Protein backbone atom coordinates (compact mmCIF):
# COMPACT_ATOMS: atom_id res chain seq x y z
CA UNK A 1 122.49 76.48 102.02
CA UNK A 2 124.88 79.00 103.56
CA UNK A 3 127.51 77.70 101.16
CA UNK A 4 125.33 78.68 98.18
CA UNK A 5 125.17 82.27 99.41
CA UNK A 6 128.92 82.38 100.06
CA UNK A 7 129.69 81.12 96.56
CA UNK A 8 127.64 83.88 94.94
CA UNK A 9 129.13 86.75 96.98
CA UNK A 10 132.00 88.47 95.15
CA UNK A 11 135.34 89.00 96.88
CA UNK A 12 136.28 92.58 97.79
CA UNK A 13 138.96 94.25 95.64
CA UNK A 14 142.48 93.81 96.96
CA UNK A 15 144.40 96.90 97.93
CA UNK A 16 147.97 97.09 96.58
CA UNK A 17 149.04 98.61 99.89
CA UNK A 18 147.81 95.63 101.88
CA UNK A 19 145.70 96.20 104.96
CA UNK A 20 143.87 94.29 107.65
CA UNK A 21 143.25 90.54 107.37
CA UNK A 22 140.25 89.64 105.25
CA UNK A 23 136.91 89.17 107.04
CA UNK A 24 135.72 85.58 107.36
CA UNK A 25 132.81 85.82 104.91
CA UNK A 26 131.14 82.65 106.10
CA UNK A 27 131.04 83.90 109.70
CA UNK A 28 129.95 87.38 108.64
CA UNK A 29 127.17 86.01 106.44
CA UNK A 30 126.00 83.74 109.26
CA UNK A 31 125.91 86.85 111.47
CA UNK A 32 123.73 88.66 108.92
CA UNK A 33 121.38 85.67 108.87
CA UNK A 34 121.24 85.84 112.66
CA UNK A 35 120.30 89.52 112.54
CA UNK A 36 117.65 88.79 109.91
CA UNK A 37 116.17 85.96 111.94
CA UNK A 38 116.25 87.57 115.39
CA UNK A 39 115.68 91.22 114.50
CA UNK A 40 118.27 92.45 117.02
CA UNK A 41 120.71 95.26 116.42
CA UNK A 42 124.26 94.66 115.29
CA UNK A 43 125.60 95.60 118.73
CA UNK A 44 123.78 92.55 120.16
CA UNK A 45 125.47 90.14 117.74
CA UNK A 46 126.99 87.12 119.58
CA UNK A 47 130.77 86.84 119.61
CA UNK A 48 130.68 83.56 117.70
CA UNK A 49 130.14 85.55 114.47
CA UNK A 50 133.28 87.60 114.91
CA UNK A 51 133.71 91.34 115.21
CA UNK A 52 130.43 93.29 115.24
CA UNK A 53 131.99 96.13 113.26
CA UNK A 54 133.40 93.69 110.68
CA UNK A 55 129.96 92.14 110.15
CA UNK A 56 128.40 95.60 109.87
CA UNK A 57 130.96 96.82 107.32
CA UNK A 58 130.62 93.56 105.39
CA UNK A 59 126.84 94.03 105.20
CA UNK A 60 127.15 97.68 104.16
CA UNK A 61 129.57 96.77 101.38
CA UNK A 62 127.18 94.16 100.00
CA UNK A 63 124.34 96.68 100.13
CA UNK A 64 126.35 99.32 98.25
CA UNK A 65 127.33 96.82 95.55
CA UNK A 66 123.76 95.53 95.11
CA UNK A 67 124.81 91.98 95.99
CA UNK A 68 121.56 91.03 97.74
CA UNK A 69 119.50 92.04 94.72
CA UNK A 70 121.68 89.86 92.49
CA UNK A 71 121.40 86.99 94.97
CA UNK A 72 117.62 87.15 94.77
CA UNK A 73 117.69 87.24 90.97
CA UNK A 74 120.08 84.29 90.90
CA UNK A 75 117.85 82.34 93.29
CA UNK A 76 114.82 83.05 91.10
CA UNK A 77 116.77 81.95 88.02
CA UNK A 78 117.76 78.73 89.80
CA UNK A 79 114.13 77.92 90.64
CA UNK A 80 112.97 78.71 87.11
CA UNK A 81 115.69 76.61 85.48
CA UNK A 82 114.64 73.63 87.56
CA UNK A 83 111.00 74.27 86.67
CA UNK A 84 109.94 74.66 90.27
CA UNK A 85 107.71 77.68 89.64
CA UNK A 86 103.96 77.20 89.11
CA UNK A 87 102.89 80.30 87.19
CA UNK A 88 99.43 79.22 86.05
CA UNK A 89 98.00 80.96 89.13
CA UNK A 90 99.81 83.65 91.11
CA UNK A 91 98.78 85.78 94.07
CA UNK A 92 99.38 89.36 95.12
CA UNK A 93 99.38 90.96 98.57
CA UNK A 94 100.98 93.62 100.75
CA UNK A 95 102.21 93.67 104.35
CA UNK A 96 102.72 96.76 106.52
CA UNK A 97 105.89 97.22 108.55
CA UNK A 98 106.04 100.21 110.94
CA UNK A 99 109.17 102.34 110.76
CA UNK A 100 110.65 103.31 114.12
CA UNK A 101 113.89 104.95 113.04
CA UNK A 102 112.73 107.27 110.26
CA UNK A 103 114.67 107.51 107.01
CA UNK A 104 113.87 107.47 103.31
CA UNK A 105 111.07 105.57 101.56
CA UNK A 106 108.63 105.87 104.49
CA UNK A 107 104.99 106.94 104.23
CA UNK A 108 102.39 107.99 106.76
CA UNK A 109 99.13 106.02 107.14
CA UNK A 110 96.36 105.71 109.71
CA UNK A 111 98.43 102.98 111.35
CA UNK A 112 101.45 105.28 111.59
CA UNK A 113 104.65 105.72 109.60
CA UNK A 114 106.00 102.72 107.78
CA UNK A 115 106.54 100.80 104.55
CA UNK A 116 104.56 98.25 102.58
CA UNK A 117 106.15 95.01 101.49
CA UNK A 118 104.60 94.25 98.09
CA UNK A 119 104.91 90.60 97.12
CA UNK A 120 103.68 88.33 94.35
CA UNK A 121 103.96 84.54 94.68
CA UNK A 122 103.26 81.55 92.48
CA UNK A 123 100.72 78.78 93.15
CA UNK A 124 103.10 77.19 95.69
CA UNK A 125 103.82 80.42 97.54
CA UNK A 126 107.31 81.02 96.12
CA UNK A 127 108.17 84.71 95.59
CA UNK A 128 108.21 85.87 91.97
CA UNK A 129 108.43 89.61 92.74
CA UNK A 130 108.99 91.58 95.93
CA UNK A 131 109.92 95.11 96.97
CA UNK A 132 109.34 97.58 99.79
CA UNK A 133 107.56 100.87 99.10
CA UNK A 134 106.28 103.88 100.96
CA UNK A 135 103.07 102.95 102.76
CA UNK A 136 101.27 106.13 101.69
CA UNK A 137 100.24 105.31 98.07
CA UNK A 138 97.39 102.89 97.44
CA UNK A 139 98.24 99.20 96.97
CA UNK A 140 96.75 99.20 93.46
CA UNK A 141 99.27 101.88 92.50
CA UNK A 142 102.21 100.12 94.16
CA UNK A 143 101.39 96.80 92.49
CA UNK A 144 102.49 98.12 89.10
CA UNK A 145 106.01 98.56 90.47
CA UNK A 146 106.36 94.79 90.75
CA UNK A 147 106.67 94.53 86.97
CA UNK A 148 110.21 95.88 87.22
CA UNK A 149 111.40 93.32 89.79
CA UNK A 150 109.98 90.09 88.34
CA UNK A 151 112.25 87.09 88.92
CA UNK A 152 110.84 84.98 86.09
CA UNK A 153 111.20 85.26 82.33
CA UNK A 154 107.85 83.54 81.82
CA UNK A 155 104.81 85.75 82.37
CA UNK A 156 102.25 84.46 84.93
CA UNK A 157 98.87 83.59 83.47
CA UNK A 158 96.68 84.91 86.28
CA UNK A 159 97.25 87.21 89.23
CA UNK A 160 94.79 86.98 92.13
CA UNK A 161 94.40 89.75 94.69
CA UNK A 162 91.92 91.06 97.23
CA UNK A 163 89.48 93.97 96.87
CA UNK A 164 92.30 96.50 97.17
CA UNK A 165 93.38 95.54 93.64
CA UNK A 166 89.97 96.00 92.04
CA UNK A 167 91.11 98.76 89.68
CA UNK A 168 90.44 99.28 85.98
CA UNK A 169 93.84 100.95 85.52
CA UNK A 170 95.62 98.02 87.18
CA UNK A 171 93.53 95.58 85.13
CA UNK A 172 94.68 97.27 81.92
CA UNK A 173 98.30 97.34 83.09
CA UNK A 174 98.26 93.59 83.74
CA UNK A 175 96.46 92.86 80.47
CA UNK A 176 99.10 94.82 78.55
CA UNK A 177 101.67 92.34 79.86
CA UNK A 178 99.59 89.28 79.08
CA UNK A 179 98.31 88.65 82.61
CA UNK A 180 94.74 88.34 83.82
CA UNK A 181 93.92 90.14 87.07
CA UNK A 182 91.32 88.50 89.33
CA UNK A 183 90.04 90.48 92.31
CA UNK A 184 86.66 90.63 94.11
CA UNK A 185 84.63 93.70 93.32
CA UNK A 186 84.40 96.62 95.66
CA UNK A 187 80.99 97.54 96.99
CA UNK A 188 80.91 100.80 95.00
CA UNK A 189 81.49 99.20 91.58
CA UNK A 190 78.50 99.57 89.27
CA UNK A 191 76.86 96.35 87.98
CA UNK A 192 77.45 97.32 84.32
CA UNK A 193 81.20 97.52 85.03
CA UNK A 194 81.47 94.01 86.42
CA UNK A 195 83.22 91.85 83.85
CA UNK A 196 84.42 88.83 85.88
CA UNK A 197 82.13 85.86 86.26
CA UNK A 198 81.79 83.72 89.36
CA UNK A 199 83.98 80.91 88.09
CA UNK A 200 86.99 83.23 87.91
CA UNK A 201 86.30 84.78 91.30
CA UNK A 202 86.27 81.35 92.95
CA UNK A 203 90.05 81.32 92.49
CA UNK A 204 90.13 83.95 95.22
CA UNK A 205 89.49 81.20 97.77
CA UNK A 206 93.11 80.06 97.36
CA UNK A 207 94.45 83.43 98.42
CA UNK A 208 95.66 81.82 101.64
CA UNK A 209 98.75 80.86 99.60
CA UNK A 210 100.11 84.42 99.58
CA UNK A 211 99.03 84.98 103.19
CA UNK A 212 101.13 81.96 104.14
CA UNK A 213 104.08 83.42 102.22
CA UNK A 214 103.71 86.69 104.13
CA UNK A 215 103.73 84.66 107.34
CA UNK A 216 106.96 83.00 106.20
CA UNK A 217 108.50 86.45 105.80
CA UNK A 218 107.20 87.48 109.22
CA UNK A 219 109.24 84.65 110.73
CA UNK A 220 112.25 86.83 109.92
CA UNK A 221 111.79 89.33 112.72
CA UNK A 222 114.00 91.91 111.04
CA UNK A 223 111.19 92.48 108.53
CA UNK A 224 108.42 92.99 111.11
CA UNK A 225 109.66 96.48 112.02
CA UNK A 226 111.90 98.67 109.90
CA UNK A 227 114.71 99.98 112.09
CA UNK A 228 117.01 100.87 109.19
CA UNK A 229 117.11 104.50 108.12
CA UNK A 230 118.18 103.42 104.65
CA UNK A 231 115.61 101.86 102.35
CA UNK A 232 118.35 99.94 100.56
CA UNK A 233 119.43 98.28 103.82
CA UNK A 234 115.87 97.16 104.60
CA UNK A 235 115.44 95.94 101.01
CA UNK A 236 118.66 93.94 101.41
CA UNK A 237 117.20 92.00 104.35
CA UNK A 238 113.95 91.50 102.40
CA UNK A 239 115.80 90.22 99.35
CA UNK A 240 117.91 87.93 101.49
CA UNK A 241 114.81 86.44 103.13
CA UNK A 242 113.13 85.78 99.77
CA UNK A 243 116.32 84.30 98.34
CA UNK A 244 116.47 81.99 101.35
CA UNK A 245 112.90 80.79 100.70
CA UNK A 246 113.69 80.11 97.04
CA UNK A 247 117.00 78.32 97.62
CA UNK A 248 115.44 76.21 100.39
CA UNK A 249 112.83 75.02 97.89
CA UNK A 250 115.53 73.77 95.52
CA UNK A 251 118.31 72.61 97.84
CA UNK A 252 116.16 71.61 100.81
């Protein structure tokens, strides 16, 4: 699996003046995986992965070039080409990660400062869209941002969420893209505005699928707390984790 990631990482441009020996990309990428899995800082990286500064500079270069975003898109394309996605029923959820180091893209909530990881998964729990956002806006507002980061060409038939996504505006936004939004009603919704019948709402019982996917992401301890001051750096770890889940489904 590590080989797949190495193959899809572009080589750095060569300087005509020469320079230091090239970083061992396989070792550096393994070091990034170690940081993602353990959640430690780069200064705690074991010596087996090479120079700590080399791994850090390698990671920063990939972030600047948008490599992790392309890796996630390529992983989603691989799953879709092999028809591994199940888009007849998809699920939507959000997870809160506190931010300890400050930086951009952070919002303040009752739980403190942090970010929300917005994720949509298919019927098997495979990510079809994911991004991190400021935790301050409401989840129903943030959900519309997932349209711009979809990994599939095919549009999901149904999207199931919890009561936080019971919104007429969000319902219309999903309908405009050919998707049906299913969410339990809030207690303050008037009876005359209730349009979903019980048979549709029973699909909500399978919402454990997306909760399991969030738990999979929580296994990567780097995503439990945002230590990065840069939103792009945190997104890179998030994209790498989701790409790992997708490639593991195909390659085993």
